[in-house]
C-alpha cells in the first residue's frame, strides 16, 4: 500500500507514503500528533482527502482528537 498510517499509542501516529500519493517516498522518524502528521503529509504533497481516509482507517475518531492550534 503506498500510504500507510499506524496508530502507535494514544493519539500518536507514524506514516510511510510513496508516490503517487507524495512527491517522494517518505516516512516519519518520530511519533506525531494527528495535527502534526497532517501538516507533514501536506508538505510531502499528499492530498487532504487521502490523509483523512488513511487516518479514518486507523482511528475513526481522529478528528475529535486533534490537538488545538497554538496560535
N, C-alpha and C. Protein backbone atom coordinates (compact mmCIF):
# COMPACT_ATOMS: atom_id res chain seq x y z
N UNK A 1 0.84 -1.18 0.00
CA UNK A 1 0.00 0.00 0.00
C UNK A 1 0.89 1.25 0.00
N UNK A 2 0.64 2.19 -0.87
CA UNK A 2 1.52 3.36 -0.98
C UNK A 2 1.31 4.40 0.12
N UNK A 3 0.30 4.25 0.99
CA UNK A 3 0.01 5.25 2.01
C UNK A 3 -0.39 4.49 3.27
N UNK A 4 0.50 4.42 4.27
CA UNK A 4 0.23 3.63 5.46
C UNK A 4 0.40 4.46 6.72
N UNK A 5 -0.68 4.65 7.44
CA UNK A 5 -0.65 5.33 8.74
C UNK A 5 -0.82 4.26 9.80
N UNK A 6 -0.04 4.37 10.87
CA UNK A 6 -0.16 3.46 12.00
C UNK A 6 -0.39 4.27 13.27
N UNK A 7 -1.37 3.86 14.05
CA UNK A 7 -1.57 4.47 15.36
C UNK A 7 -0.69 3.69 16.32
N UNK A 8 0.30 4.36 16.92
CA UNK A 8 1.28 3.65 17.73
C UNK A 8 0.98 3.69 19.22
N UNK A 9 0.39 4.76 19.69
CA UNK A 9 -0.05 4.83 21.08
C UNK A 9 -0.91 6.06 21.27
N UNK A 10 -1.88 5.94 22.17
CA UNK A 10 -2.80 7.04 22.42
C UNK A 10 -3.19 7.73 21.13
N UNK A 11 -2.78 8.97 20.97
CA UNK A 11 -3.13 9.73 19.77
C UNK A 11 -1.89 10.11 18.97
N UNK A 12 -0.93 9.18 18.89
CA UNK A 12 0.29 9.40 18.12
C UNK A 12 0.34 8.42 16.96
N UNK A 13 0.93 8.89 15.85
CA UNK A 13 0.91 8.12 14.62
C UNK A 13 2.28 8.12 13.96
N UNK A 14 2.50 7.10 13.12
CA UNK A 14 3.63 7.08 12.20
C UNK A 14 3.04 6.86 10.81
N UNK A 15 3.83 7.18 9.80
CA UNK A 15 3.33 7.04 8.44
C UNK A 15 4.47 6.74 7.48
N UNK A 16 4.14 5.99 6.45
CA UNK A 16 5.01 5.76 5.30
C UNK A 16 4.17 6.04 4.07
N UNK A 17 4.71 6.85 3.18
CA UNK A 17 3.96 7.22 1.98
C UNK A 17 4.91 7.21 0.78
N UNK A 18 4.39 6.76 -0.36
CA UNK A 18 5.19 6.71 -1.58
C UNK A 18 4.40 7.32 -2.73
N UNK A 19 5.10 7.71 -3.78
CA UNK A 19 4.39 8.21 -4.97
C UNK A 19 3.45 7.14 -5.48
N UNK A 20 2.34 7.48 -6.01
CA UNK A 20 1.91 8.80 -6.44
C UNK A 20 1.23 9.62 -5.35
N UNK A 21 1.17 9.12 -4.11
CA UNK A 21 0.50 9.85 -3.04
C UNK A 21 1.35 10.96 -2.45
N UNK A 22 2.62 10.99 -2.75
CA UNK A 22 3.53 12.05 -2.29
C UNK A 22 4.53 12.33 -3.41
N UNK A 23 5.27 13.44 -3.23
CA UNK A 23 6.28 13.80 -4.23
C UNK A 23 7.39 12.76 -4.27
N UNK A 24 7.80 12.30 -3.08
CA UNK A 24 8.90 11.33 -2.94
C UNK A 24 8.53 10.34 -1.84
N UNK A 25 9.19 9.18 -1.80
CA UNK A 25 8.96 8.27 -0.68
C UNK A 25 9.34 8.98 0.62
N UNK A 26 8.52 8.81 1.66
CA UNK A 26 8.77 9.50 2.91
C UNK A 26 8.17 8.71 4.07
N UNK A 27 8.86 8.72 5.20
CA UNK A 27 8.37 8.10 6.43
C UNK A 27 8.66 9.02 7.60
N UNK A 28 7.84 8.93 8.62
CA UNK A 28 8.11 9.69 9.83
C UNK A 28 9.33 9.11 10.53
N UNK A 29 10.05 9.96 11.22
CA UNK A 29 11.20 9.50 12.00
C UNK A 29 10.86 9.49 13.49
N UNK A 30 9.67 9.98 13.82
CA UNK A 30 9.21 10.01 15.21
C UNK A 30 7.69 9.88 15.22
N UNK A 31 7.13 9.67 16.38
CA UNK A 31 5.68 9.61 16.52
C UNK A 31 5.13 11.03 16.47
N UNK A 32 4.06 11.22 15.71
CA UNK A 32 3.50 12.56 15.53
C UNK A 32 2.05 12.61 15.98
N UNK A 33 1.65 13.78 16.48
CA UNK A 33 0.24 14.00 16.78
C UNK A 33 -0.52 14.05 15.45
N UNK A 34 -1.82 13.91 15.53
CA UNK A 34 -2.62 13.96 14.31
C UNK A 34 -2.44 15.25 13.54
N UNK A 35 -2.48 16.38 14.23
CA UNK A 35 -2.34 17.68 13.56
C UNK A 35 -0.96 17.79 12.89
N UNK A 36 0.07 17.39 13.62
CA UNK A 36 1.43 17.48 13.06
C UNK A 36 1.59 16.52 11.88
N UNK A 37 1.00 15.34 11.98
CA UNK A 37 1.05 14.38 10.89
C UNK A 37 0.42 14.96 9.64
N UNK A 38 -0.72 15.59 9.79
CA UNK A 38 -1.40 16.21 8.65
C UNK A 38 -0.53 17.28 8.02
N UNK A 39 0.07 18.13 8.84
CA UNK A 39 0.95 19.19 8.33
C UNK A 39 2.11 18.61 7.53
N UNK A 40 2.74 17.57 8.08
CA UNK A 40 3.89 16.96 7.40
C UNK A 40 3.48 16.29 6.09
N UNK A 41 2.35 15.62 6.09
CA UNK A 41 1.89 14.97 4.87
C UNK A 41 1.54 16.00 3.79
N UNK A 42 0.97 17.11 4.18
CA UNK A 42 0.69 18.17 3.20
C UNK A 42 2.00 18.70 2.60
N UNK A 43 3.03 18.84 3.43
CA UNK A 43 4.34 19.28 2.92
C UNK A 43 4.90 18.30 1.90
N UNK A 44 4.56 17.02 2.07
CA UNK A 44 5.04 15.98 1.15
C UNK A 44 4.20 15.91 -0.12
N UNK A 45 3.17 16.74 -0.21
CA UNK A 45 2.35 16.77 -1.41
C UNK A 45 1.15 15.83 -1.38
N UNK A 46 0.82 15.31 -0.21
CA UNK A 46 -0.32 14.40 -0.10
C UNK A 46 -1.63 15.18 -0.16
N UNK A 47 -2.62 14.58 -0.76
CA UNK A 47 -3.93 15.20 -0.90
C UNK A 47 -4.69 15.09 0.43
N UNK A 48 -5.38 16.16 0.84
CA UNK A 48 -6.12 16.13 2.11
C UNK A 48 -7.13 14.98 2.22
N UNK A 49 -7.77 14.62 1.14
CA UNK A 49 -8.73 13.51 1.20
C UNK A 49 -8.01 12.20 1.47
N UNK A 50 -6.85 11.99 0.84
CA UNK A 50 -6.06 10.77 1.11
C UNK A 50 -5.62 10.72 2.56
N UNK A 51 -5.23 11.87 3.10
CA UNK A 51 -4.80 11.94 4.50
C UNK A 51 -5.97 11.57 5.42
N UNK A 52 -7.11 12.19 5.19
CA UNK A 52 -8.29 11.91 6.02
C UNK A 52 -8.71 10.45 5.93
N UNK A 53 -8.69 9.91 4.72
CA UNK A 53 -9.07 8.50 4.54
C UNK A 53 -8.13 7.57 5.30
N UNK A 54 -6.83 7.84 5.21
CA UNK A 54 -5.84 6.99 5.88
C UNK A 54 -5.98 7.07 7.40
N UNK A 55 -6.18 8.29 7.93
CA UNK A 55 -6.37 8.43 9.37
C UNK A 55 -7.66 7.78 9.83
N UNK A 56 -8.71 7.92 9.06
CA UNK A 56 -10.00 7.31 9.41
C UNK A 56 -9.92 5.79 9.46
N UNK A 57 -9.08 5.24 8.62
CA UNK A 57 -8.92 3.79 8.59
C UNK A 57 -8.32 3.25 9.89
N UNK A 58 -7.38 3.99 10.48
CA UNK A 58 -6.73 3.51 11.71
C UNK A 58 -7.38 4.04 12.98
N UNK A 59 -8.11 5.15 12.86
CA UNK A 59 -8.75 5.75 14.04
C UNK A 59 -9.97 6.55 13.60
N UNK A 60 -11.15 5.93 13.63
CA UNK A 60 -12.37 6.60 13.17
C UNK A 60 -12.67 7.92 13.90
N UNK A 61 -12.13 8.11 15.09
CA UNK A 61 -12.39 9.33 15.87
C UNK A 61 -11.23 10.31 15.85
N UNK A 62 -10.36 10.23 14.85
CA UNK A 62 -9.16 11.05 14.83
C UNK A 62 -9.46 12.55 14.83
N UNK A 63 -10.52 12.98 14.20
CA UNK A 63 -10.82 14.42 14.11
C UNK A 63 -11.05 15.00 15.50
N UNK A 64 -11.76 14.28 16.34
CA UNK A 64 -12.06 14.79 17.68
C UNK A 64 -10.83 14.82 18.58
N UNK A 65 -9.76 14.16 18.17
CA UNK A 65 -8.55 14.08 18.98
C UNK A 65 -7.45 15.04 18.54
N UNK A 66 -7.70 15.85 17.53
CA UNK A 66 -6.67 16.76 17.06
C UNK A 66 -6.29 17.74 18.15
N UNK A 67 -5.00 17.92 18.32
CA UNK A 67 -4.51 18.89 19.30
C UNK A 67 -4.91 20.29 18.83
N UNK A 68 -5.25 21.18 19.75
CA UNK A 68 -5.63 22.53 19.34
C UNK A 68 -4.45 23.28 18.73
N UNK A 69 -4.76 24.24 17.89
CA UNK A 69 -3.72 25.08 17.31
C UNK A 69 -3.11 25.96 18.40
N UNK A 70 -1.83 26.20 18.28
CA UNK A 70 -1.13 27.05 19.27
C UNK A 70 -0.94 28.46 18.77
N UNK A 71 -1.91 29.00 18.09
CA UNK A 71 -1.79 30.36 17.55
C UNK A 71 -2.16 31.40 18.57
